[in-house]
Amino acid sequence: MTYYMFDGPLEQSVGDTRQHQLIKLSNNLVVLCTSDPGSANAAASLSVNVGSMADPKEFPGMAHFLEHMLFMGSAKYPTENEYTEYIANNL
Protein backbone atom coordinates (compact mmCIF):
# COMPACT_ATOMS: atom_id res chain seq x y z
CA MET A 1 0.00 0.00 0.00
CA THR A 2 1.37 3.38 -0.95
CA TYR A 3 0.94 6.53 1.09
CA TYR A 4 1.58 10.27 1.04
CA MET A 5 3.12 12.09 4.01
CA PHE A 6 1.99 15.70 4.45
CA ASP A 7 4.95 18.11 4.61
CA GLY A 8 3.38 21.17 6.17
CA PRO A 9 3.27 21.97 9.86
CA LEU A 10 0.30 20.70 11.84
CA GLU A 11 -1.52 23.05 14.17
CA GLN A 12 -1.11 21.97 17.79
CA SER A 13 -1.45 23.61 21.18
CA VAL A 14 1.53 25.32 22.78
CA GLY A 15 1.70 22.74 25.59
CA ASP A 16 1.70 19.74 23.22
CA THR A 17 5.29 18.49 23.05
CA ARG A 18 4.47 15.29 21.16
CA GLN A 19 5.47 14.72 17.54
CA HIS A 20 2.69 14.36 14.96
CA GLN A 21 2.70 13.14 11.36
CA LEU A 22 -0.26 13.18 8.98
CA ILE A 23 -0.37 10.43 6.35
CA LYS A 24 -2.85 9.76 3.54
CA LEU A 25 -3.10 6.12 2.46
CA SER A 26 -3.80 4.98 -1.10
CA ASN A 27 -7.41 4.18 -0.09
CA ASN A 28 -7.80 7.89 0.93
CA LEU A 29 -7.84 7.11 4.65
CA VAL A 30 -6.08 9.92 6.53
CA VAL A 31 -4.00 8.81 9.52
CA LEU A 32 -2.63 10.99 12.29
CA CYS A 33 0.37 9.34 13.95
CA THR A 34 1.45 10.72 17.32
CA SER A 35 4.68 9.88 19.08
CA ASP A 36 5.05 10.44 22.81
CA PRO A 37 8.38 8.95 23.95
CA GLY A 38 7.48 9.78 27.57
CA SER A 39 4.50 7.45 27.56
CA ALA A 40 4.64 3.80 28.57
CA ASN A 41 1.44 3.02 26.65
CA ALA A 42 0.40 2.74 23.03
CA ALA A 43 -3.07 3.24 21.60
CA ALA A 44 -5.02 3.39 18.37
CA SER A 45 -8.25 5.15 17.57
CA LEU A 46 -10.48 5.40 14.53
CA SER A 47 -12.92 8.13 13.67
CA VAL A 48 -15.08 7.61 10.61
CA ASN A 49 -16.57 10.85 9.38
CA VAL A 50 -19.98 9.40 8.50
CA GLY A 51 -23.22 8.90 10.37
CA SER A 52 -26.94 9.44 10.07
CA MET A 53 -26.46 12.39 7.71
CA ALA A 54 -24.84 9.97 5.23
CA ASP A 55 -27.73 7.47 5.33
CA PRO A 56 -29.25 6.76 1.90
CA LYS A 57 -32.72 8.32 1.66
CA GLU A 58 -34.24 4.88 1.02
CA PHE A 59 -32.60 3.45 4.20
CA PRO A 60 -32.96 5.96 7.04
CA GLY A 61 -31.34 4.74 10.25
CA MET A 62 -28.75 2.57 8.51
CA ALA A 63 -25.76 4.14 10.34
CA HIS A 64 -27.40 3.48 13.71
CA PHE A 65 -28.29 -0.09 12.69
CA LEU A 66 -24.72 -0.82 11.60
CA GLU A 67 -23.35 0.67 14.82
CA HIS A 68 -25.43 -1.84 16.78
CA MET A 69 -24.30 -4.69 14.53
CA LEU A 70 -20.75 -4.20 15.87
CA PHE A 71 -21.91 -5.55 19.22
CA MET A 72 -24.20 -8.37 18.05
CA GLY A 73 -21.45 -10.86 17.27
CA SER A 74 -19.03 -11.75 14.52
CA ALA A 75 -16.92 -14.73 13.45
CA LYS A 76 -14.14 -13.70 15.85
CA TYR A 77 -16.46 -12.62 18.72
CA PRO A 78 -19.57 -14.78 18.18
CA THR A 79 -21.69 -13.92 21.21
CA GLU A 80 -23.53 -10.67 21.81
CA ASN A 81 -21.37 -8.04 23.55
CA GLU A 82 -18.28 -10.30 23.44
CA TYR A 83 -16.40 -7.62 21.50
CA THR A 84 -17.43 -4.97 24.04
CA GLU A 85 -16.21 -7.21 26.87
CA TYR A 86 -12.91 -7.82 25.06
CA ILE A 87 -12.33 -4.06 24.74
CA ALA A 88 -13.24 -3.45 28.40
CA ASN A 89 -10.91 -6.23 29.61
CA ASN A 90 -7.96 -5.10 27.50
CA LEU A 91 -7.68 -1.38 28.18
PDB file of N, CA and C in Angstrom:
ATOM      1  N   MET A   1       0.846  -1.172   0.000  1.00  0.00           N
ATOM      2  CA  MET A   1       0.000   0.000   0.000  1.00  0.00           C
ATOM      3  C   MET A   1       0.892   1.236   0.000  1.00  0.00           C
ATOM      4  N   THR A   2       0.607   2.139  -0.893  1.00  0.00           N
ATOM      5  CA  THR A   2       1.374   3.377  -0.947  1.00  0.00           C
ATOM      6  C   THR A   2       0.711   4.436  -0.075  1.00  0.00           C
ATOM      7  N   TYR A   3       1.466   5.462   0.255  1.00  0.00           N
ATOM      8  CA  TYR A   3       0.935   6.530   1.089  1.00  0.00           C
ATOM      9  C   TYR A   3       1.626   7.835   0.757  1.00  0.00           C
ATOM     10  N   TYR A   4       1.035   8.930   1.223  1.00  0.00           N
ATOM     11  CA  TYR A   4       1.576  10.269   1.044  1.00  0.00           C
ATOM     12  C   TYR A   4       1.720  10.903   2.419  1.00  0.00           C
ATOM     13  N   MET A   5       2.896  11.411   2.735  1.00  0.00           N
ATOM     14  CA  MET A   5       3.124  12.090   4.010  1.00  0.00           C
ATOM     15  C   MET A   5       3.013  13.598   3.788  1.00  0.00           C
ATOM     16  N   PHE A   6       2.153  14.256   4.549  1.00  0.00           N
ATOM     17  CA  PHE A   6       1.991  15.697   4.449  1.00  0.00           C
ATOM     18  C   PHE A   6       3.243  16.393   4.977  1.00  0.00           C
ATOM     19  N   ASP A   7       3.710  17.407   4.251  1.00  0.00           N
ATOM     20  CA  ASP A   7       4.951  18.105   4.609  1.00  0.00           C
ATOM     21  C   ASP A   7       4.733  19.260   5.568  1.00  0.00           C
ATOM     22  N   GLY A   8       3.609  19.932   5.433  1.00  0.00           N
ATOM     23  CA  GLY A   8       3.382  21.170   6.169  1.00  0.00           C
ATOM     24  C   GLY A   8       3.257  20.972   7.670  1.00  0.00           C
ATOM     25  N   PRO A   9       3.400  22.056   8.403  1.00  0.00           N
ATOM     26  CA  PRO A   9       3.267  21.972   9.861  1.00  0.00           C
ATOM     27  C   PRO A   9       1.815  21.714  10.249  1.00  0.00           C
ATOM     28  N   LEU A  10       1.630  20.967  11.312  1.00  0.00           N
ATOM     29  CA  LEU A  10       0.295  20.703  11.840  1.00  0.00           C
ATOM     30  C   LEU A  10       0.040  21.656  13.003  1.00  0.00           C
ATOM     31  N   GLU A  11      -1.163  22.156  13.076  1.00  0.00           N
ATOM     32  CA  GLU A  11      -1.516  23.054  14.171  1.00  0.00           C
ATOM     33  C   GLU A  11      -1.668  22.240  15.452  1.00  0.00           C
ATOM     34  N   GLN A  12      -0.996  22.639  16.504  1.00  0.00           N
ATOM     35  CA  GLN A  12      -1.113  21.973  17.794  1.00  0.00           C
ATOM     36  C   GLN A  12      -0.967  22.998  18.896  1.00  0.00           C
ATOM     37  N   SER A  13      -1.486  22.661  20.072  1.00  0.00           N
ATOM     38  CA  SER A  13      -1.454  23.608  21.179  1.00  0.00           C
ATOM     39  C   SER A  13      -0.020  23.821  21.660  1.00  0.00           C
ATOM     40  N   VAL A  14       0.198  24.942  22.304  1.00  0.00           N
ATOM     41  CA  VAL A  14       1.528  25.322  22.778  1.00  0.00           C
ATOM     42  C   VAL A  14       2.089  24.280  23.748  1.00  0.00           C
ATOM     43  N   GLY A  15       1.241  23.701  24.591  1.00  0.00           N
ATOM     44  CA  GLY A  15       1.700  22.739  25.591  1.00  0.00           C
ATOM     45  C   GLY A  15       1.896  21.325  25.064  1.00  0.00           C
ATOM     46  N   ASP A  16       1.572  21.077  23.807  1.00  0.00           N
ATOM     47  CA  ASP A  16       1.697  19.737  23.224  1.00  0.00           C
ATOM     48  C   ASP A  16       3.118  19.536  22.728  1.00  0.00           C
ATOM     49  N   THR A  17       3.884  18.719  23.425  1.00  0.00           N
ATOM     50  CA  THR A  17       5.288  18.488  23.054  1.00  0.00           C
ATOM     51  C   THR A  17       5.476  17.212  22.233  1.00  0.00           C
ATOM     52  N   ARG A  18       4.371  16.525  21.941  1.00  0.00           N
ATOM     53  CA  ARG A  18       4.470  15.291  21.157  1.00  0.00           C
ATOM     54  C   ARG A  18       4.754  15.597  19.692  1.00  0.00           C
ATOM     55  N   GLN A  19       5.225  14.592  18.975  1.00  0.00           N
ATOM     56  CA  GLN A  19       5.474  14.723  17.537  1.00  0.00           C
ATOM     57  C   GLN A  19       4.292  14.113  16.792  1.00  0.00           C
ATOM     58  N   HIS A  20       3.844  14.813  15.743  1.00  0.00           N
ATOM     59  CA  HIS A  20       2.686  14.361  14.963  1.00  0.00           C
ATOM     60  C   HIS A  20       3.063  14.274  13.490  1.00  0.00           C
ATOM     61  N   GLN A  21       2.506  13.289  12.805  1.00  0.00           N
ATOM     62  CA  GLN A  21       2.702  13.143  11.359  1.00  0.00           C
ATOM     63  C   GLN A  21       1.373  12.760  10.736  1.00  0.00           C
ATOM     64  N   LEU A  22       0.974  13.455   9.700  1.00  0.00           N
ATOM     65  CA  LEU A  22      -0.264  13.183   8.985  1.00  0.00           C
ATOM     66  C   LEU A  22       0.072  12.422   7.710  1.00  0.00           C
ATOM     67  N   ILE A  23      -0.624  11.309   7.495  1.00  0.00           N
ATOM     68  CA  ILE A  23      -0.367  10.431   6.348  1.00  0.00           C
ATOM     69  C   ILE A  23      -1.685  10.149   5.640  1.00  0.00           C
ATOM     70  N   LYS A  24      -1.676  10.145   4.326  1.00  0.00           N
ATOM     71  CA  LYS A  24      -2.851   9.765   3.541  1.00  0.00           C
ATOM     72  C   LYS A  24      -2.528   8.469   2.815  1.00  0.00           C
ATOM     73  N   LEU A  25      -3.312   7.427   3.082  1.00  0.00           N
ATOM     74  CA  LEU A  25      -3.099   6.121   2.456  1.00  0.00           C
ATOM     75  C   LEU A  25      -3.694   6.083   1.054  1.00  0.00           C
ATOM     76  N   SER A  26      -3.331   5.078   0.284  1.00  0.00           N
ATOM     77  CA  SER A  26      -3.802   4.975  -1.097  1.00  0.00           C
ATOM     78  C   SER A  26      -5.310   4.782  -1.182  1.00  0.00           C
ATOM     79  N   ASN A  27      -5.952   4.334  -0.090  1.00  0.00           N
ATOM     80  CA  ASN A  27      -7.409   4.184  -0.093  1.00  0.00           C
ATOM     81  C   ASN A  27      -8.101   5.454   0.408  1.00  0.00           C
ATOM     82  N   ASN A  28      -7.342   6.569   0.502  1.00  0.00           N
ATOM     83  CA  ASN A  28      -7.799   7.891   0.928  1.00  0.00           C
ATOM     84  C   ASN A  28      -8.070   8.014   2.424  1.00  0.00           C
ATOM     85  N   LEU A  29      -7.733   7.018   3.204  1.00  0.00           N
ATOM     86  CA  LEU A  29      -7.842   7.112   4.654  1.00  0.00           C
ATOM     87  C   LEU A  29      -6.721   8.008   5.158  1.00  0.00           C
ATOM     88  N   VAL A  30      -7.073   9.004   5.969  1.00  0.00           N
ATOM     89  CA  VAL A  30      -6.083   9.919   6.527  1.00  0.00           C
ATOM     90  C   VAL A  30      -5.762   9.468   7.948  1.00  0.00           C
ATOM     91  N   VAL A  31      -4.478   9.332   8.239  1.00  0.00           N
ATOM     92  CA  VAL A  31      -4.003   8.806   9.515  1.00  0.00           C
ATOM     93  C   VAL A  31      -3.163   9.871  10.211  1.00  0.00           C
ATOM     94  N   LEU A  32      -3.446  10.104  11.480  1.00  0.00           N
ATOM     95  CA  LEU A  32      -2.632  10.991  12.293  1.00  0.00           C
ATOM     96  C   LEU A  32      -1.822  10.122  13.245  1.00  0.00           C
ATOM     97  N   CYS A  33      -0.514  10.109  13.080  1.00  0.00           N
ATOM     98  CA  CYS A  33       0.375   9.344  13.955  1.00  0.00           C
ATOM     99  C   CYS A  33       0.966  10.303  14.981  1.00  0.00           C
ATOM    100  N   THR A  34       0.925   9.902  16.232  1.00  0.00           N
ATOM    101  CA  THR A  34       1.451  10.724  17.318  1.00  0.00           C
ATOM    102  C   THR A  34       2.476   9.926  18.086  1.00  0.00           C
ATOM    103  N   SER A  35       3.617  10.525  18.316  1.00  0.00           N
ATOM    104  CA  SER A  35       4.680   9.884  19.077  1.00  0.00           C
ATOM    105  C   SER A  35       4.864  10.627  20.395  1.00  0.00           C
ATOM    106  N   ASP A  36       4.826   9.871  21.479  1.00  0.00           N
ATOM    107  CA  ASP A  36       5.052  10.437  22.813  1.00  0.00           C
ATOM    108  C   ASP A  36       6.050   9.544  23.530  1.00  0.00           C
ATOM    109  N   PRO A  37       7.352   9.793  23.350  1.00  0.00           N
ATOM    110  CA  PRO A  37       8.380   8.947  23.955  1.00  0.00           C
ATOM    111  C   PRO A  37       8.280   8.855  25.475  1.00  0.00           C
ATOM    112  N   GLY A  38       7.620   9.810  26.117  1.00  0.00           N
ATOM    113  CA  GLY A  38       7.482   9.782  27.567  1.00  0.00           C
ATOM    114  C   GLY A  38       6.371   8.884  28.067  1.00  0.00           C
ATOM    115  N   SER A  39       5.614   8.300  27.166  1.00  0.00           N
ATOM    116  CA  SER A  39       4.495   7.447  27.563  1.00  0.00           C
ATOM    117  C   SER A  39       4.895   5.978  27.549  1.00  0.00           C
ATOM    118  N   ALA A  40       4.378   5.239  28.507  1.00  0.00           N
ATOM    119  CA  ALA A  40       4.645   3.797  28.575  1.00  0.00           C
ATOM    120  C   ALA A  40       3.568   3.007  27.829  1.00  0.00           C
ATOM    121  N   ASN A  41       2.564   3.688  27.301  1.00  0.00           N
ATOM    122  CA  ASN A  41       1.440   3.016  26.649  1.00  0.00           C
ATOM    123  C   ASN A  41       1.392   3.341  25.166  1.00  0.00           C
ATOM    124  N   ALA A  42       0.681   2.496  24.440  1.00  0.00           N
ATOM    125  CA  ALA A  42       0.404   2.740  23.027  1.00  0.00           C
ATOM    126  C   ALA A  42      -1.096   2.599  22.830  1.00  0.00           C
ATOM    127  N   ALA A  43      -1.635   3.301  21.844  1.00  0.00           N
ATOM    128  CA  ALA A  43      -3.074   3.239  21.602  1.00  0.00           C
ATOM    129  C   ALA A  43      -3.355   3.492  20.130  1.00  0.00           C
ATOM    130  N   ALA A  44      -4.545   3.110  19.726  1.00  0.00           N
ATOM    131  CA  ALA A  44      -5.015   3.392  18.374  1.00  0.00           C
ATOM    132  C   ALA A  44      -6.476   3.793  18.466  1.00  0.00           C
ATOM    133  N   SER A  45      -6.879   4.674  17.580  1.00  0.00           N
ATOM    134  CA  SER A  45      -8.253   5.146  17.571  1.00  0.00           C
ATOM    135  C   SER A  45      -8.675   5.355  16.134  1.00  0.00           C
ATOM    136  N   LEU A  46      -9.964   5.219  15.887  1.00  0.00           N
ATOM    137  CA  LEU A  46     -10.482   5.396  14.534  1.00  0.00           C
ATOM    138  C   LEU A  46     -11.716   6.266  14.600  1.00  0.00           C
ATOM    139  N   SER A  47     -11.751   7.276  13.787  1.00  0.00           N
ATOM    140  CA  SER A  47     -12.922   8.130  13.672  1.00  0.00           C
ATOM    141  C   SER A  47     -13.353   8.116  12.219  1.00  0.00           C
ATOM    142  N   VAL A  48     -14.554   7.668  11.977  1.00  0.00           N
ATOM    143  CA  VAL A  48     -15.083   7.607  10.615  1.00  0.00           C
ATOM    144  C   VAL A  48     -16.065   8.754  10.460  1.00  0.00           C
ATOM    145  N   ASN A  49     -15.786   9.631   9.533  1.00  0.00           N
ATOM    146  CA  ASN A  49     -16.572  10.849   9.382  1.00  0.00           C
ATOM    147  C   ASN A  49     -17.865  10.595   8.596  1.00  0.00           C
ATOM    148  N   VAL A  50     -18.662   9.660   9.071  1.00  0.00           N
ATOM    149  CA  VAL A  50     -19.983   9.404   8.496  1.00  0.00           C
ATOM    150  C   VAL A  50     -20.945   9.115   9.641  1.00  0.00           C
ATOM    151  N   GLY A  51     -22.199   9.172   9.363  1.00  0.00           N
ATOM    152  CA  GLY A  51     -23.215   8.899  10.367  1.00  0.00           C
ATOM    153  C   GLY A  51     -24.587   9.041   9.742  1.00  0.00           C
ATOM    154  N   SER A  52     -25.560   9.401  10.544  1.00  0.00           N
ATOM    155  CA  SER A  52     -26.938   9.435  10.069  1.00  0.00           C
ATOM    156  C   SER A  52     -27.133  10.408   8.903  1.00  0.00           C
ATOM    157  N   MET A  53     -26.314  11.450   8.833  1.00  0.00           N
ATOM    158  CA  MET A  53     -26.460  12.388   7.714  1.00  0.00           C
ATOM    159  C   MET A  53     -26.002  11.777   6.390  1.00  0.00           C
ATOM    160  N   ALA A  54     -25.298  10.645   6.450  1.00  0.00           N
ATOM    161  CA  ALA A  54     -24.837   9.970   5.235  1.00  0.00           C
ATOM    162  C   ALA A  54     -25.746   8.796   4.867  1.00  0.00           C
ATOM    163  N   ASP A  55     -26.807   8.562   5.634  1.00  0.00           N
ATOM    164  CA  ASP A  55     -27.729   7.471   5.326  1.00  0.00           C
ATOM    165  C   ASP A  55     -28.369   7.690   3.956  1.00  0.00           C
ATOM    166  N   PRO A  56     -28.498   6.621   3.158  1.00  0.00           N
ATOM    167  CA  PRO A  56     -29.247   6.757   1.904  1.00  0.00           C
ATOM    168  C   PRO A  56     -30.704   7.105   2.223  1.00  0.00           C
ATOM    169  N   LYS A  57     -31.334   7.913   1.403  1.00  0.00           N
ATOM    170  CA  LYS A  57     -32.722   8.316   1.659  1.00  0.00           C
ATOM    171  C   LYS A  57     -33.653   7.115   1.769  1.00  0.00           C
ATOM    172  N   GLU A  58     -33.370   6.056   1.004  1.00  0.00           N
ATOM    173  CA  GLU A  58     -34.243   4.880   1.024  1.00  0.00           C
ATOM    174  C   GLU A  58     -33.985   3.972   2.232  1.00  0.00           C
ATOM    175  N   PHE A  59     -32.923   4.252   3.018  1.00  0.00           N
ATOM    176  CA  PHE A  59     -32.603   3.446   4.204  1.00  0.00           C
ATOM    177  C   PHE A  59     -32.282   4.335   5.404  1.00  0.00           C
ATOM    178  N   PRO A  60     -33.246   5.125   5.874  1.00  0.00           N
ATOM    179  CA  PRO A  60     -32.965   5.959   7.042  1.00  0.00           C
ATOM    180  C   PRO A  60     -32.661   5.085   8.258  1.00  0.00           C
ATOM    181  N   GLY A  61     -31.701   5.503   9.058  1.00  0.00           N
ATOM    182  CA  GLY A  61     -31.342   4.738  10.254  1.00  0.00           C
ATOM    183  C   GLY A  61     -30.262   3.696  10.027  1.00  0.00           C
ATOM    184  N   MET A  62     -29.731   3.605   8.808  1.00  0.00           N
ATOM    185  CA  MET A  62     -28.746   2.568   8.505  1.00  0.00           C
ATOM    186  C   MET A  62     -27.484   2.711   9.355  1.00  0.00           C
ATOM    187  N   ALA A  63     -26.983   3.942   9.553  1.00  0.00           N
ATOM    188  CA  ALA A  63     -25.762   4.144  10.342  1.00  0.00           C
ATOM    189  C   ALA A  63     -25.968   3.630  11.770  1.00  0.00           C
ATOM    190  N   HIS A  64     -27.115   3.919  12.345  1.00  0.00           N
ATOM    191  CA  HIS A  64     -27.405   3.476  13.711  1.00  0.00           C
ATOM    192  C   HIS A  64     -27.523   1.955  13.761  1.00  0.00           C
ATOM    193  N   PHE A  65     -28.170   1.372  12.772  1.00  0.00           N
ATOM    194  CA  PHE A  65     -28.295  -0.085  12.689  1.00  0.00           C
ATOM    195  C   PHE A  65     -26.915  -0.744  12.611  1.00  0.00           C
ATOM    196  N   LEU A  66     -26.051  -0.231  11.758  1.00  0.00           N
ATOM    197  CA  LEU A  66     -24.717  -0.821  11.601  1.00  0.00           C
ATOM    198  C   LEU A  66     -23.869  -0.634  12.851  1.00  0.00           C
ATOM    199  N   GLU A  67     -24.054   0.467  13.549  1.00  0.00           N
ATOM    200  CA  GLU A  67     -23.355   0.672  14.818  1.00  0.00           C
ATOM    201  C   GLU A  67     -23.709  -0.452  15.792  1.00  0.00           C
ATOM    202  N   HIS A  68     -24.993  -0.773  15.875  1.00  0.00           N
ATOM    203  CA  HIS A  68     -25.426  -1.843  16.780  1.00  0.00           C
ATOM    204  C   HIS A  68     -24.941  -3.212  16.329  1.00  0.00           C
ATOM    205  N   MET A  69     -24.772  -3.394  15.041  1.00  0.00           N
ATOM    206  CA  MET A  69     -24.296  -4.687  14.530  1.00  0.00           C
ATOM    207  C   MET A  69     -22.884  -4.997  15.018  1.00  0.00           C
ATOM    208  N   LEU A  70     -22.097  -3.972  15.334  1.00  0.00           N
ATOM    209  CA  LEU A  70     -20.750  -4.198  15.867  1.00  0.00           C
ATOM    210  C   LEU A  70     -20.785  -5.034  17.140  1.00  0.00           C
ATOM    211  N   PHE A  71     -21.855  -4.919  17.910  1.00  0.00           N
ATOM    212  CA  PHE A  71     -21.914  -5.547  19.225  1.00  0.00           C
ATOM    213  C   PHE A  71     -22.793  -6.794  19.248  1.00  0.00           C
ATOM    214  N   MET A  72     -23.311  -7.213  18.088  1.00  0.00           N
ATOM    215  CA  MET A  72     -24.201  -8.373  18.046  1.00  0.00           C
ATOM    216  C   MET A  72     -23.477  -9.693  17.790  1.00  0.00           C
ATOM    217  N   GLY A  73     -22.212  -9.642  17.507  1.00  0.00           N
ATOM    218  CA  GLY A  73     -21.452 -10.861  17.272  1.00  0.00           C
ATOM    219  C   GLY A  73     -20.833 -10.877  15.894  1.00  0.00           C
ATOM    220  N   SER A  74     -19.728 -11.602  15.793  1.00  0.00           N
ATOM    221  CA  SER A  74     -19.029 -11.753  14.521  1.00  0.00           C
ATOM    222  C   SER A  74     -18.338 -13.111  14.542  1.00  0.00           C
ATOM    223  N   ALA A  75     -17.625 -13.442  13.485  1.00  0.00           N
ATOM    224  CA  ALA A  75     -16.920 -14.730  13.446  1.00  0.00           C
ATOM    225  C   ALA A  75     -15.882 -14.810  14.567  1.00  0.00           C
ATOM    226  N   LYS A  76     -15.182 -13.702  14.828  1.00  0.00           N
ATOM    227  CA  LYS A  76     -14.138 -13.702  15.852  1.00  0.00           C
ATOM    228  C   LYS A  76     -14.721 -13.580  17.263  1.00  0.00           C
ATOM    229  N   TYR A  77     -15.804 -12.826  17.421  1.00  0.00           N
ATOM    230  CA  TYR A  77     -16.459 -12.625  18.719  1.00  0.00           C
ATOM    231  C   TYR A  77     -17.931 -13.011  18.551  1.00  0.00           C
ATOM    232  N   PRO A  78     -18.253 -14.305  18.599  1.00  0.00           N
ATOM    233  CA  PRO A  78     -19.567 -14.783  18.177  1.00  0.00           C
ATOM    234  C   PRO A  78     -20.751 -14.465  19.095  1.00  0.00           C
ATOM    235  N   THR A  79     -20.538 -14.177  20.346  1.00  0.00           N
ATOM    236  CA  THR A  79     -21.690 -13.920  21.212  1.00  0.00           C
ATOM    237  C   THR A  79     -21.920 -12.418  21.368  1.00  0.00           C
ATOM    238  N   GLU A  80     -23.172 -12.075  21.643  1.00  0.00           N
ATOM    239  CA  GLU A  80     -23.534 -10.668  21.815  1.00  0.00           C
ATOM    240  C   GLU A  80     -22.700 -10.027  22.914  1.00  0.00           C
ATOM    241  N   ASN A  81     -22.192  -8.840  22.631  1.00  0.00           N
ATOM    242  CA  ASN A  81     -21.372  -8.042  23.554  1.00  0.00           C
ATOM    243  C   ASN A  81     -19.995  -8.637  23.855  1.00  0.00           C
ATOM    244  N   GLU A  82     -19.609  -9.717  23.203  1.00  0.00           N
ATOM    245  CA  GLU A  82     -18.283 -10.298  23.440  1.00  0.00           C
ATOM    246  C   GLU A  82     -17.176  -9.322  23.038  1.00  0.00           C
ATOM    247  N   TYR A  83     -17.384  -8.600  21.945  1.00  0.00           N
ATOM    248  CA  TYR A  83     -16.398  -7.616  21.498  1.00  0.00           C
ATOM    249  C   TYR A  83     -16.291  -6.481  22.518  1.00  0.00           C
ATOM    250  N   THR A  84     -17.426  -6.020  23.019  1.00  0.00           N
ATOM    251  CA  THR A  84     -17.430  -4.972  24.041  1.00  0.00           C
ATOM    252  C   THR A  84     -16.667  -5.426  25.275  1.00  0.00           C
ATOM    253  N   GLU A  85     -16.901  -6.661  25.696  1.00  0.00           N
ATOM    254  CA  GLU A  85     -16.208  -7.210  26.867  1.00  0.00           C
ATOM    255  C   GLU A  85     -14.702  -7.315  26.610  1.00  0.00           C
ATOM    256  N   TYR A  86     -14.328  -7.728  25.406  1.00  0.00           N
ATOM    257  CA  TYR A  86     -12.909  -7.818  25.055  1.00  0.00           C
ATOM    258  C   TYR A  86     -12.243  -6.452  25.193  1.00  0.00           C
ATOM    259  N   ILE A  87     -12.886  -5.415  24.660  1.00  0.00           N
ATOM    260  CA  ILE A  87     -12.331  -4.063  24.744  1.00  0.00           C
ATOM    261  C   ILE A  87     -12.199  -3.648  26.211  1.00  0.00           C
ATOM    262  N   ALA A  88     -13.253  -3.858  27.000  1.00  0.00           N
ATOM    263  CA  ALA A  88     -13.239  -3.448  28.403  1.00  0.00           C
ATOM    264  C   ALA A  88     -12.163  -4.173  29.206  1.00  0.00           C
ATOM    265  N   ASN A  89     -11.900  -5.431  28.867  1.00  0.00           N
ATOM    266  CA  ASN A  89     -10.915  -6.228  29.613  1.00  0.00           C
ATOM    267  C   ASN A  89      -9.479  -6.020  29.134  1.00  0.00           C
ATOM    268  N   ASN A  90      -9.299  -5.279  28.061  1.00  0.00           N
ATOM    269  CA  ASN A  90      -7.963  -5.099  27.504  1.00  0.00           C
ATOM    270  C   ASN A  90      -7.590  -3.631  27.329  1.00  0.00           C
ATOM    271  N   LEU A  91      -8.034  -2.801  28.239  1.00  0.00           N
ATOM    272  CA  LEU A  91      -7.685  -1.381  28.177  1.00  0.00           C
ATOM    273  C   LEU A  91      -6.261  -1.153  28.598  1.00  0.00           C
TER     274      LEU A  91
END
